PDB file of all heavy atoms in Angstrom:
ATOM      1  N   GLN A   1     -20.288  32.142  11.999  1.00  0.00           N
ATOM      2  CA  GLN A   1     -19.412  31.060  11.555  1.00  0.00           C
ATOM      3  C   GLN A   1     -18.300  30.795  12.560  1.00  0.00           C
ATOM      4  O   GLN A   1     -17.961  29.641  12.835  1.00  0.00           O
ATOM      5  CB  GLN A   1     -18.809  31.407  10.186  1.00  0.00           C
ATOM      6  CG  GLN A   1     -19.783  31.337   9.039  1.00  0.00           C
ATOM      7  CD  GLN A   1     -19.191  31.875   7.746  1.00  0.00           C
ATOM      8  OE1 GLN A   1     -18.289  32.731   7.751  1.00  0.00           O
ATOM      9  NE2 GLN A   1     -19.684  31.387   6.626  1.00  0.00           N
ATOM     10  N   TYR A   2     -17.753  31.863  13.113  1.00  0.00           N
ATOM     11  CA  TYR A   2     -16.666  31.704  14.079  1.00  0.00           C
ATOM     12  C   TYR A   2     -17.169  31.032  15.355  1.00  0.00           C
ATOM     13  O   TYR A   2     -16.517  30.144  15.904  1.00  0.00           O
ATOM     14  CB  TYR A   2     -16.034  33.058  14.405  1.00  0.00           C
ATOM     15  CG  TYR A   2     -14.785  32.937  15.238  1.00  0.00           C
ATOM     16  CD1 TYR A   2     -13.555  32.710  14.631  1.00  0.00           C
ATOM     17  CD2 TYR A   2     -14.848  33.023  16.629  1.00  0.00           C
ATOM     18  CE1 TYR A   2     -12.407  32.580  15.401  1.00  0.00           C
ATOM     19  CE2 TYR A   2     -13.700  32.886  17.394  1.00  0.00           C
ATOM     20  CZ  TYR A   2     -12.489  32.668  16.775  1.00  0.00           C
ATOM     21  OH  TYR A   2     -11.347  32.516  17.535  1.00  0.00           O
ATOM     22  N   ILE A   3     -18.325  31.474  15.843  1.00  0.00           N
ATOM     23  CA  ILE A   3     -18.901  30.869  17.050  1.00  0.00           C
ATOM     24  C   ILE A   3     -19.207  29.395  16.819  1.00  0.00           C
ATOM     25  O   ILE A   3     -18.911  28.545  17.665  1.00  0.00           O
ATOM     26  CB  ILE A   3     -20.175  31.631  17.471  1.00  0.00           C
ATOM     27  CG1 ILE A   3     -19.816  33.033  17.962  1.00  0.00           C
ATOM     28  CG2 ILE A   3     -20.930  30.861  18.556  1.00  0.00           C
ATOM     29  CD1 ILE A   3     -21.013  33.939  18.199  1.00  0.00           C
ATOM     30  N   THR A   4     -19.761  29.089  15.649  1.00  0.00           N
ATOM     31  CA  THR A   4     -20.048  27.690  15.323  1.00  0.00           C
ATOM     32  C   THR A   4     -18.776  26.864  15.283  1.00  0.00           C
ATOM     33  O   THR A   4     -18.735  25.738  15.788  1.00  0.00           O
ATOM     34  CB  THR A   4     -20.772  27.599  13.968  1.00  0.00           C
ATOM     35  OG1 THR A   4     -22.022  28.276  14.043  1.00  0.00           O
ATOM     36  CG2 THR A   4     -21.020  26.140  13.575  1.00  0.00           C
ATOM     37  N   GLY A   5     -17.731  27.424  14.701  1.00  0.00           N
ATOM     38  CA  GLY A   5     -16.456  26.714  14.651  1.00  0.00           C
ATOM     39  C   GLY A   5     -15.925  26.388  16.031  1.00  0.00           C
ATOM     40  O   GLY A   5     -15.400  25.294  16.275  1.00  0.00           O
ATOM     41  N   ARG A   6     -16.067  27.353  16.946  1.00  0.00           N
ATOM     42  CA  ARG A   6     -15.611  27.116  18.320  1.00  0.00           C
ATOM     43  C   ARG A   6     -16.445  26.030  18.986  1.00  0.00           C
ATOM     44  O   ARG A   6     -15.912  25.153  19.674  1.00  0.00           O
ATOM     45  CB  ARG A   6     -15.713  28.420  19.115  1.00  0.00           C
ATOM     46  CG  ARG A   6     -15.359  28.285  20.599  1.00  0.00           C
ATOM     47  CD  ARG A   6     -13.969  27.732  20.791  1.00  0.00           C
ATOM     48  NE  ARG A   6     -13.632  27.588  22.198  1.00  0.00           N
ATOM     49  CZ  ARG A   6     -12.667  26.810  22.657  1.00  0.00           C
ATOM     50  NH1 ARG A   6     -11.934  26.089  21.812  1.00  0.00           N
ATOM     51  NH2 ARG A   6     -12.404  26.737  23.946  1.00  0.00           N
ATOM     52  N   LYS A   7     -17.743  26.058  18.782  1.00  0.00           N
ATOM     53  CA  LYS A   7     -18.610  25.043  19.368  1.00  0.00           C
ATOM     54  C   LYS A   7     -18.313  23.652  18.798  1.00  0.00           C
ATOM     55  O   LYS A   7     -18.344  22.656  19.521  1.00  0.00           O
ATOM     56  CB  LYS A   7     -20.080  25.411  19.151  1.00  0.00           C
ATOM     57  CG  LYS A   7     -20.574  26.537  20.051  1.00  0.00           C
ATOM     58  CD  LYS A   7     -22.059  26.742  19.930  1.00  0.00           C
ATOM     59  CE  LYS A   7     -22.556  27.818  20.896  1.00  0.00           C
ATOM     60  NZ  LYS A   7     -22.464  27.383  22.320  1.00  0.00           N
ATOM     61  N   ILE A   8     -18.019  23.582  17.508  1.00  0.00           N
ATOM     62  CA  ILE A   8     -17.688  22.288  16.900  1.00  0.00           C
ATOM     63  C   ILE A   8     -16.390  21.741  17.488  1.00  0.00           C
ATOM     64  O   ILE A   8     -16.270  20.550  17.789  1.00  0.00           O
ATOM     65  CB  ILE A   8     -17.568  22.415  15.370  1.00  0.00           C
ATOM     66  CG1 ILE A   8     -18.937  22.732  14.758  1.00  0.00           C
ATOM     67  CG2 ILE A   8     -16.996  21.143  14.758  1.00  0.00           C
ATOM     68  CD1 ILE A   8     -19.981  21.668  14.986  1.00  0.00           C
ATOM     69  N   ALA A   9     -15.397  22.618  17.672  1.00  0.00           N
ATOM     70  CA  ALA A   9     -14.133  22.185  18.272  1.00  0.00           C
ATOM     71  C   ALA A   9     -14.365  21.666  19.693  1.00  0.00           C
ATOM     72  O   ALA A   9     -13.798  20.634  20.090  1.00  0.00           O
ATOM     73  CB  ALA A   9     -13.131  23.338  18.285  1.00  0.00           C
ATOM     74  N   LEU A  10     -15.197  22.374  20.457  1.00  0.00           N
ATOM     75  CA  LEU A  10     -15.514  21.919  21.811  1.00  0.00           C
ATOM     76  C   LEU A  10     -16.300  20.610  21.778  1.00  0.00           C
ATOM     77  O   LEU A  10     -16.083  19.724  22.616  1.00  0.00           O
ATOM     78  CB  LEU A  10     -16.336  22.991  22.540  1.00  0.00           C
ATOM     79  CG  LEU A  10     -15.588  24.254  22.969  1.00  0.00           C
ATOM     80  CD1 LEU A  10     -16.568  25.306  23.484  1.00  0.00           C
ATOM     81  CD2 LEU A  10     -14.555  23.934  24.037  1.00  0.00           C
ATOM     82  N   ALA A  11     -17.196  20.478  20.810  1.00  0.00           N
ATOM     83  CA  ALA A  11     -17.980  19.249  20.688  1.00  0.00           C
ATOM     84  C   ALA A  11     -17.073  18.052  20.430  1.00  0.00           C
ATOM     85  O   ALA A  11     -17.260  16.975  21.014  1.00  0.00           O
ATOM     86  CB  ALA A  11     -19.002  19.394  19.559  1.00  0.00           C
ATOM     87  N   MET A  12     -16.088  18.235  19.577  1.00  0.00           N
ATOM     88  CA  MET A  12     -15.147  17.150  19.289  1.00  0.00           C
ATOM     89  C   MET A  12     -14.400  16.735  20.553  1.00  0.00           C
ATOM     90  O   MET A  12     -14.212  15.540  20.815  1.00  0.00           O
ATOM     91  CB  MET A  12     -14.161  17.582  18.206  1.00  0.00           C
ATOM     92  CG  MET A  12     -14.779  17.728  16.833  1.00  0.00           C
ATOM     93  SD  MET A  12     -13.574  18.367  15.638  1.00  0.00           S
ATOM     94  CE  MET A  12     -14.551  18.298  14.131  1.00  0.00           C
ATOM     95  N   SER A  13     -13.988  17.730  21.326  1.00  0.00           N
ATOM     96  CA  SER A  13     -13.268  17.422  22.564  1.00  0.00           C
ATOM     97  C   SER A  13     -14.159  16.663  23.541  1.00  0.00           C
ATOM     98  O   SER A  13     -13.721  15.697  24.179  1.00  0.00           O
ATOM     99  CB  SER A  13     -12.770  18.722  23.214  1.00  0.00           C
ATOM    100  OG  SER A  13     -11.842  19.384  22.394  1.00  0.00           O
ATOM    101  N   LEU A  14     -15.418  17.083  23.667  1.00  0.00           N
ATOM    102  CA  LEU A  14     -16.341  16.401  24.569  1.00  0.00           C
ATOM    103  C   LEU A  14     -16.605  14.969  24.112  1.00  0.00           C
ATOM    104  O   LEU A  14     -16.628  14.039  24.930  1.00  0.00           O
ATOM    105  CB  LEU A  14     -17.661  17.179  24.645  1.00  0.00           C
ATOM    106  CG  LEU A  14     -17.600  18.556  25.319  1.00  0.00           C
ATOM    107  CD1 LEU A  14     -18.941  19.264  25.199  1.00  0.00           C
ATOM    108  CD2 LEU A  14     -17.187  18.430  26.787  1.00  0.00           C
ATOM    109  N   LEU A  15     -16.804  14.779  22.814  1.00  0.00           N
ATOM    110  CA  LEU A  15     -17.040  13.431  22.288  1.00  0.00           C
ATOM    111  C   LEU A  15     -15.808  12.560  22.471  1.00  0.00           C
ATOM    112  O   LEU A  15     -15.917  11.366  22.764  1.00  0.00           O
ATOM    113  CB  LEU A  15     -17.429  13.510  20.810  1.00  0.00           C
ATOM    114  CG  LEU A  15     -18.788  14.179  20.522  1.00  0.00           C
ATOM    115  CD1 LEU A  15     -18.931  14.448  19.033  1.00  0.00           C
ATOM    116  CD2 LEU A  15     -19.935  13.321  21.033  1.00  0.00           C
ATOM    117  N   ASP A  16     -14.621  13.157  22.312  1.00  0.00           N
ATOM    118  CA  ASP A  16     -13.372  12.411  22.556  1.00  0.00           C
ATOM    119  C   ASP A  16     -13.279  11.961  24.010  1.00  0.00           C
ATOM    120  O   ASP A  16     -12.700  10.915  24.313  1.00  0.00           O
ATOM    121  CB  ASP A  16     -12.153  13.281  22.210  1.00  0.00           C
ATOM    122  CG  ASP A  16     -11.978  13.469  20.718  1.00  0.00           C
ATOM    123  OD1 ASP A  16     -12.570  12.692  19.950  1.00  0.00           O
ATOM    124  OD2 ASP A  16     -11.257  14.404  20.321  1.00  0.00           O
ATOM    125  N   GLU A  17     -13.837  12.766  24.915  1.00  0.00           N
ATOM    126  CA  GLU A  17     -13.790  12.446  26.342  1.00  0.00           C
ATOM    127  C   GLU A  17     -14.859  11.430  26.755  1.00  0.00           C
ATOM    128  O   GLU A  17     -14.890  10.993  27.904  1.00  0.00           O
ATOM    129  CB  GLU A  17     -13.972  13.718  27.171  1.00  0.00           C
ATOM    130  CG  GLU A  17     -12.816  14.697  27.045  1.00  0.00           C
ATOM    131  CD  GLU A  17     -13.103  16.020  27.744  1.00  0.00           C
ATOM    132  OE1 GLU A  17     -14.076  16.060  28.534  1.00  0.00           O
ATOM    133  OE2 GLU A  17     -12.384  17.001  27.490  1.00  0.00           O
ATOM    134  N   GLY A  18     -15.739  11.078  25.810  1.00  0.00           N
ATOM    135  CA  GLY A  18     -16.749  10.075  26.108  1.00  0.00           C
ATOM    136  C   GLY A  18     -18.136  10.615  26.397  1.00  0.00           C
ATOM    137  O   GLY A  18     -19.033   9.852  26.766  1.00  0.00           O
ATOM    138  N   TYR A  19     -18.353  11.927  26.225  1.00  0.00           N
ATOM    139  CA  TYR A  19     -19.690  12.489  26.406  1.00  0.00           C
ATOM    140  C   TYR A  19     -20.635  11.906  25.358  1.00  0.00           C
ATOM    141  O   TYR A  19     -20.249  11.666  24.210  1.00  0.00           O
ATOM    142  CB  TYR A  19     -19.665  14.011  26.249  1.00  0.00           C
ATOM    143  CG  TYR A  19     -19.228  14.765  27.472  1.00  0.00           C
ATOM    144  CD1 TYR A  19     -17.900  14.732  27.904  1.00  0.00           C
ATOM    145  CD2 TYR A  19     -20.127  15.532  28.196  1.00  0.00           C
ATOM    146  CE1 TYR A  19     -17.483  15.440  29.021  1.00  0.00           C
ATOM    147  CE2 TYR A  19     -19.728  16.254  29.319  1.00  0.00           C
ATOM    148  CZ  TYR A  19     -18.409  16.202  29.722  1.00  0.00           C
ATOM    149  OH  TYR A  19     -17.996  16.900  30.829  1.00  0.00           O
ATOM    150  N   SER A  20     -21.880  11.719  25.723  1.00  0.00           N
ATOM    151  CA  SER A  20     -22.894  11.291  24.765  1.00  0.00           C
ATOM    152  C   SER A  20     -23.272  12.475  23.887  1.00  0.00           C
ATOM    153  O   SER A  20     -22.974  13.639  24.215  1.00  0.00           O
ATOM    154  CB  SER A  20     -24.129  10.764  25.487  1.00  0.00           C
ATOM    155  OG  SER A  20     -24.814  11.827  26.151  1.00  0.00           O
ATOM    156  N   VAL A  21     -23.942  12.204  22.778  1.00  0.00           N
ATOM    157  CA  VAL A  21     -24.393  13.270  21.893  1.00  0.00           C
ATOM    158  C   VAL A  21     -25.328  14.212  22.632  1.00  0.00           C
ATOM    159  O   VAL A  21     -25.211  15.442  22.536  1.00  0.00           O
ATOM    160  CB  VAL A  21     -25.094  12.678  20.651  1.00  0.00           C
ATOM    161  CG1 VAL A  21     -25.729  13.783  19.806  1.00  0.00           C
ATOM    162  CG2 VAL A  21     -24.098  11.879  19.800  1.00  0.00           C
ATOM    163  N   ALA A  22     -26.248  13.645  23.398  1.00  0.00           N
ATOM    164  CA  ALA A  22     -27.207  14.471  24.139  1.00  0.00           C
ATOM    165  C   ALA A  22     -26.513  15.343  25.180  1.00  0.00           C
ATOM    166  O   ALA A  22     -26.832  16.531  25.328  1.00  0.00           O
ATOM    167  CB  ALA A  22     -28.250  13.579  24.808  1.00  0.00           C
ATOM    168  N   ASP A  23     -25.537  14.773  25.887  1.00  0.00           N
ATOM    169  CA  ASP A  23     -24.823  15.537  26.914  1.00  0.00           C
ATOM    170  C   ASP A  23     -23.992  16.649  26.293  1.00  0.00           C
ATOM    171  O   ASP A  23     -23.896  17.761  26.831  1.00  0.00           O
ATOM    172  CB  ASP A  23     -23.932  14.614  27.742  1.00  0.00           C
ATOM    173  CG  ASP A  23     -24.737  13.733  28.695  1.00  0.00           C
ATOM    174  OD1 ASP A  23     -25.900  14.071  28.963  1.00  0.00           O
ATOM    175  OD2 ASP A  23     -24.184  12.711  29.152  1.00  0.00           O
ATOM    176  N   ALA A  24     -23.366  16.350  25.153  1.00  0.00           N
ATOM    177  CA  ALA A  24     -22.565  17.368  24.471  1.00  0.00           C
ATOM    178  C   ALA A  24     -23.451  18.506  23.982  1.00  0.00           C
ATOM    179  O   ALA A  24     -23.102  19.688  24.120  1.00  0.00           O
ATOM    180  CB  ALA A  24     -21.810  16.747  23.300  1.00  0.00           C
ATOM    181  N   ALA A  25     -24.607  18.164  23.423  1.00  0.00           N
ATOM    182  CA  ALA A  25     -25.537  19.188  22.939  1.00  0.00           C
ATOM    183  C   ALA A  25     -25.988  20.087  24.084  1.00  0.00           C
ATOM    184  O   ALA A  25     -26.044  21.318  23.945  1.00  0.00           O
ATOM    185  CB  ALA A  25     -26.738  18.524  22.276  1.00  0.00           C
ATOM    186  N   ARG A  26     -26.285  19.486  25.211  1.00  0.00           N
ATOM    187  CA  ARG A  26     -26.741  20.249  26.386  1.00  0.00           C
ATOM    188  C   ARG A  26     -25.609  21.120  26.937  1.00  0.00           C
ATOM    189  O   ARG A  26     -25.812  22.287  27.279  1.00  0.00           O
ATOM    190  CB  ARG A  26     -27.228  19.276  27.458  1.00  0.00           C
ATOM    191  CG  ARG A  26     -27.989  19.933  28.595  1.00  0.00           C
ATOM    192  CD  ARG A  26     -28.471  18.900  29.592  1.00  0.00           C
ATOM    193  NE  ARG A  26     -29.210  17.818  28.955  1.00  0.00           N
ATOM    194  CZ  ARG A  26     -28.764  16.568  28.823  1.00  0.00           C
ATOM    195  NH1 ARG A  26     -27.571  16.237  29.307  1.00  0.00           N
ATOM    196  NH2 ARG A  26     -29.490  15.640  28.239  1.00  0.00           N
ATOM    197  N   ARG A  27     -24.424  20.558  26.990  1.00  0.00           N
ATOM    198  CA  ARG A  27     -23.265  21.284  27.529  1.00  0.00           C
ATOM    199  C   ARG A  27     -22.942  22.518  26.676  1.00  0.00           C
ATOM    200  O   ARG A  27     -22.500  23.553  27.205  1.00  0.00           O
ATOM    201  CB  ARG A  27     -22.070  20.332  27.568  1.00  0.00           C
ATOM    202  CG  ARG A  27     -20.763  20.929  28.059  1.00  0.00           C
ATOM    203  CD  ARG A  27     -20.718  20.996  29.576  1.00  0.00           C
ATOM    204  NE  ARG A  27     -19.448  21.496  30.029  1.00  0.00           N
ATOM    205  CZ  ARG A  27     -18.419  20.719  30.393  1.00  0.00           C
ATOM    206  NH1 ARG A  27     -18.541  19.400  30.355  1.00  0.00           N
ATOM    207  NH2 ARG A  27     -17.295  21.243  30.816  1.00  0.00           N
ATOM    208  N   LEU A  28     -23.183  22.420  25.380  1.00  0.00           N
ATOM    209  CA  LEU A  28     -22.828  23.506  24.471  1.00  0.00           C
ATOM    210  C   LEU A  28     -24.009  24.424  24.156  1.00  0.00           C
ATOM    211  O   LEU A  28     -23.929  25.253  23.253  1.00  0.00           O
ATOM    212  CB  LEU A  28     -22.259  22.920  23.173  1.00  0.00           C
ATOM    213  CG  LEU A  28     -20.946  22.145  23.333  1.00  0.00           C
ATOM    214  CD1 LEU A  28     -20.557  21.465  22.040  1.00  0.00           C
ATOM    215  CD2 LEU A  28     -19.828  23.076  23.799  1.00  0.00           C
ATOM    216  N   SER A  29     -25.093  24.272  24.897  1.00  0.00           N
ATOM    217  CA  SER A  29     -26.250  25.174  24.810  1.00  0.00           C
ATOM    218  C   SER A  29     -26.960  25.132  23.464  1.00  0.00           C
ATOM    219  O   SER A  29     -27.512  26.151  23.002  1.00  0.00           O
ATOM    220  CB  SER A  29     -25.833  26.625  25.119  1.00  0.00           C
ATOM    221  OG  SER A  29     -25.236  26.715  26.389  1.00  0.00           O
ATOM    222  N   PHE A  30     -26.954  23.988  22.797  1.00  0.00           N
ATOM    223  CA  PHE A  30     -27.758  23.849  21.586  1.00  0.00           C
ATOM    224  C   PHE A  30     -29.218  23.712  21.991  1.00  0.00           C
ATOM    225  O   PHE A  30     -29.542  23.172  23.054  1.00  0.00           O
ATOM    226  CB  PHE A  30     -27.310  22.636  20.775  1.00  0.00           C
ATOM    227  CG  PHE A  30     -26.077  22.883  19.960  1.00  0.00           C
ATOM    228  CD1 PHE A  30     -24.818  22.629  20.484  1.00  0.00           C
ATOM    229  CD2 PHE A  30     -26.172  23.381  18.668  1.00  0.00           C
ATOM    230  CE1 PHE A  30     -23.673  22.864  19.734  1.00  0.00           C
ATOM    231  CE2 PHE A  30     -25.038  23.622  17.908  1.00  0.00           C
ATOM    232  CZ  PHE A  30     -23.781  23.364  18.438  1.00  0.00           C
ATOM    233  N   SER A  31     -30.120  24.166  21.116  1.00  0.00           N
ATOM    234  CA  SER A  31     -31.544  24.153  21.443  1.00  0.00           C
ATOM    235  C   SER A  31     -32.107  22.749  21.544  1.00  0.00           C
ATOM    236  O   SER A  31     -33.099  22.519  22.251  1.00  0.00           O
ATOM    237  CB  SER A  31     -32.334  24.958  20.400  1.00  0.00           C
ATOM    238  OG  SER A  31     -32.134  24.414  19.096  1.00  0.00           O
ATOM    239  N   SER A  32     -31.486  21.795  20.834  1.00  0.00           N
ATOM    240  CA  SER A  32     -31.950  20.410  20.869  1.00  0.00           C
ATOM    241  C   SER A  32     -30.858  19.495  20.343  1.00  0.00           C
ATOM    242  O   SER A  32     -29.894  19.955  19.697  1.00  0.00           O
ATOM    243  CB  SER A  32     -33.214  20.236  20.016  1.00  0.00           C
ATOM    244  OG  SER A  32     -32.920  20.440  18.641  1.00  0.00           O
ATOM    245  N   ASP A  33     -30.988  18.210  20.584  1.00  0.00           N
ATOM    246  CA  ASP A  33     -30.046  17.232  20.036  1.00  0.00           C
ATOM    247  C   ASP A  33     -30.066  17.286  18.514  1.00  0.00           C
ATOM    248  O   ASP A  33     -29.025  17.185  17.859  1.00  0.00           O
ATOM    249  CB  ASP A  33     -30.407  15.811  20.487  1.00  0.00           C
ATOM    250  CG  ASP A  33     -30.291  15.629  21.992  1.00  0.00           C
ATOM    251  OD1 ASP A  33     -29.888  16.589  22.671  1.00  0.00           O
ATOM    252  OD2 ASP A  33     -30.606  14.527  22.476  1.00  0.00           O
ATOM    253  N   THR A  34     -31.262  17.432  17.954  1.00  0.00           N
ATOM    254  CA  THR A  34     -31.412  17.467  16.495  1.00  0.00           C
ATOM    255  C   THR A  34     -30.661  18.646  15.893  1.00  0.00           C
ATOM    256  O   THR A  34     -29.980  18.511  14.864  1.00  0.00           O
ATOM    257  CB  THR A  34     -32.898  17.561  16.115  1.00  0.00           C
ATOM    258  OG1 THR A  34     -33.607  16.452  16.670  1.00  0.00           O
ATOM    259  CG2 THR A  34     -33.068  17.558  14.597  1.00  0.00           C
ATOM    260  N   HIS A  35     -30.758  19.800  16.554  1.00  0.00           N
ATOM    261  CA  HIS A  35     -30.044  20.982  16.068  1.00  0.00           C
ATOM    262  C   HIS A  35     -28.530  20.761  16.137  1.00  0.00           C
ATOM    263  O   HIS A  35     -27.790  21.089  15.197  1.00  0.00           O
ATOM    264  CB  HIS A  35     -30.439  22.197  16.905  1.00  0.00           C
ATOM    265  CG  HIS A  35     -29.783  23.464  16.451  1.00  0.00           C
ATOM    266  ND1 HIS A  35     -29.343  24.427  17.333  1.00  0.00           N
ATOM    267  CD2 HIS A  35     -29.475  23.913  15.219  1.00  0.00           C
ATOM    268  CE1 HIS A  35     -28.797  25.421  16.655  1.00  0.00           C
ATOM    269  NE2 HIS A  35     -28.867  25.142  15.369  1.00  0.00           N
ATOM    270  N   PHE A  36     -28.070  20.196  17.224  1.00  0.00           N
ATOM    271  CA  PHE A  36     -26.642  19.907  17.388  1.00  0.00           C
ATOM    272  C   PHE A  36     -26.153  18.956  16.299  1.00  0.00           C
ATOM    273  O   PHE A  36     -25.115  19.187  15.668  1.00  0.00           O
ATOM    274  CB  PHE A  36     -26.397  19.299  18.768  1.00  0.00           C
ATOM    275  CG  PHE A  36     -25.006  18.768  18.972  1.00  0.00           C
ATOM    276  CD1 PHE A  36     -23.891  19.564  18.762  1.00  0.00           C
ATOM    277  CD2 PHE A  36     -24.811  17.450  19.375  1.00  0.00           C
ATOM    278  CE1 PHE A  36     -22.607  19.078  18.949  1.00  0.00           C
ATOM    279  CE2 PHE A  36     -23.532  16.949  19.566  1.00  0.00           C
ATOM    280  CZ  PHE A  36     -22.427  17.765  19.352  1.00  0.00           C
ATOM    281  N   ILE A  37     -26.892  17.887  16.062  1.00  0.00           N
ATOM    282  CA  ILE A  37     -26.498  16.902  15.047  1.00  0.00           C
ATOM    283  C   ILE A  37     -26.457  17.547  13.672  1.00  0.00           C
ATOM    284  O   ILE A  37     -25.529  17.322  12.884  1.00  0.00           O
ATOM    285  CB  ILE A  37     -27.479  15.707  15.059  1.00  0.00           C
ATOM    286  CG1 ILE A  37     -27.341  14.933  16.364  1.00  0.00           C
ATOM    287  CG2 ILE A  37     -27.215  14.785  13.859  1.00  0.00           C
ATOM    288  CD1 ILE A  37     -28.430  13.907  16.587  1.00  0.00           C
ATOM    289  N   SER A  38     -27.444  18.398  13.367  1.00  0.00           N
ATOM    290  CA  SER A  38     -27.506  19.061  12.066  1.00  0.00           C
ATOM    291  C   SER A  38     -26.317  19.991  11.853  1.00  0.00           C
ATOM    292  O   SER A  38     -25.675  19.978  10.789  1.00  0.00           O
ATOM    293  CB  SER A  38     -28.813  19.855  11.958  1.00  0.00           C
ATOM    294  OG  SER A  38     -28.856  20.598  10.761  1.00  0.00           O
ATOM    295  N   VAL A  39     -25.985  20.788  12.866  1.00  0.00           N
ATOM    296  CA  VAL A  39     -24.861  21.733  12.756  1.00  0.00           C
ATOM    297  C   VAL A  39     -23.542  20.976  12.644  1.00  0.00           C
ATOM    298  O   VAL A  39     -22.671  21.325  11.831  1.00  0.00           O
ATOM    299  CB  VAL A  39     -24.839  22.681  13.970  1.00  0.00           C
ATOM    300  CG1 VAL A  39     -23.565  23.522  13.982  1.00  0.00           C
ATOM    301  CG2 VAL A  39     -26.062  23.582  13.952  1.00  0.00           C
ATOM    302  N   PHE A  40     -23.380  19.935  13.438  1.00  0.00           N
ATOM    303  CA  PHE A  40     -22.149  19.151  13.416  1.00  0.00           C
ATOM    304  C   PHE A  40     -21.950  18.504  12.047  1.00  0.00           C
ATOM    305  O   PHE A  40     -20.860  18.564  11.466  1.00  0.00           O
ATOM    306  CB  PHE A  40     -22.203  18.071  14.501  1.00  0.00           C
ATOM    307  CG  PHE A  40     -20.879  17.405  14.771  1.00  0.00           C
ATOM    308  CD1 PHE A  40     -20.093  17.812  15.833  1.00  0.00           C
ATOM    309  CD2 PHE A  40     -20.416  16.376  13.961  1.00  0.00           C
ATOM    310  CE1 PHE A  40     -18.867  17.209  16.091  1.00  0.00           C
ATOM    311  CE2 PHE A  40     -19.198  15.766  14.206  1.00  0.00           C
ATOM    312  CZ  PHE A  40     -18.421  16.189  15.271  1.00  0.00           C
TER     313      PHE A  40
END
């Protein structure tokens, strides 16, 4: 849960900076875009 929370916080920062969903998922080492979207 703690690791996920940290990744979500980083994801928000990346999306705020203009990263695409796919780029954010890749940057945060998610297994796929679908997995990233589901966790978020």
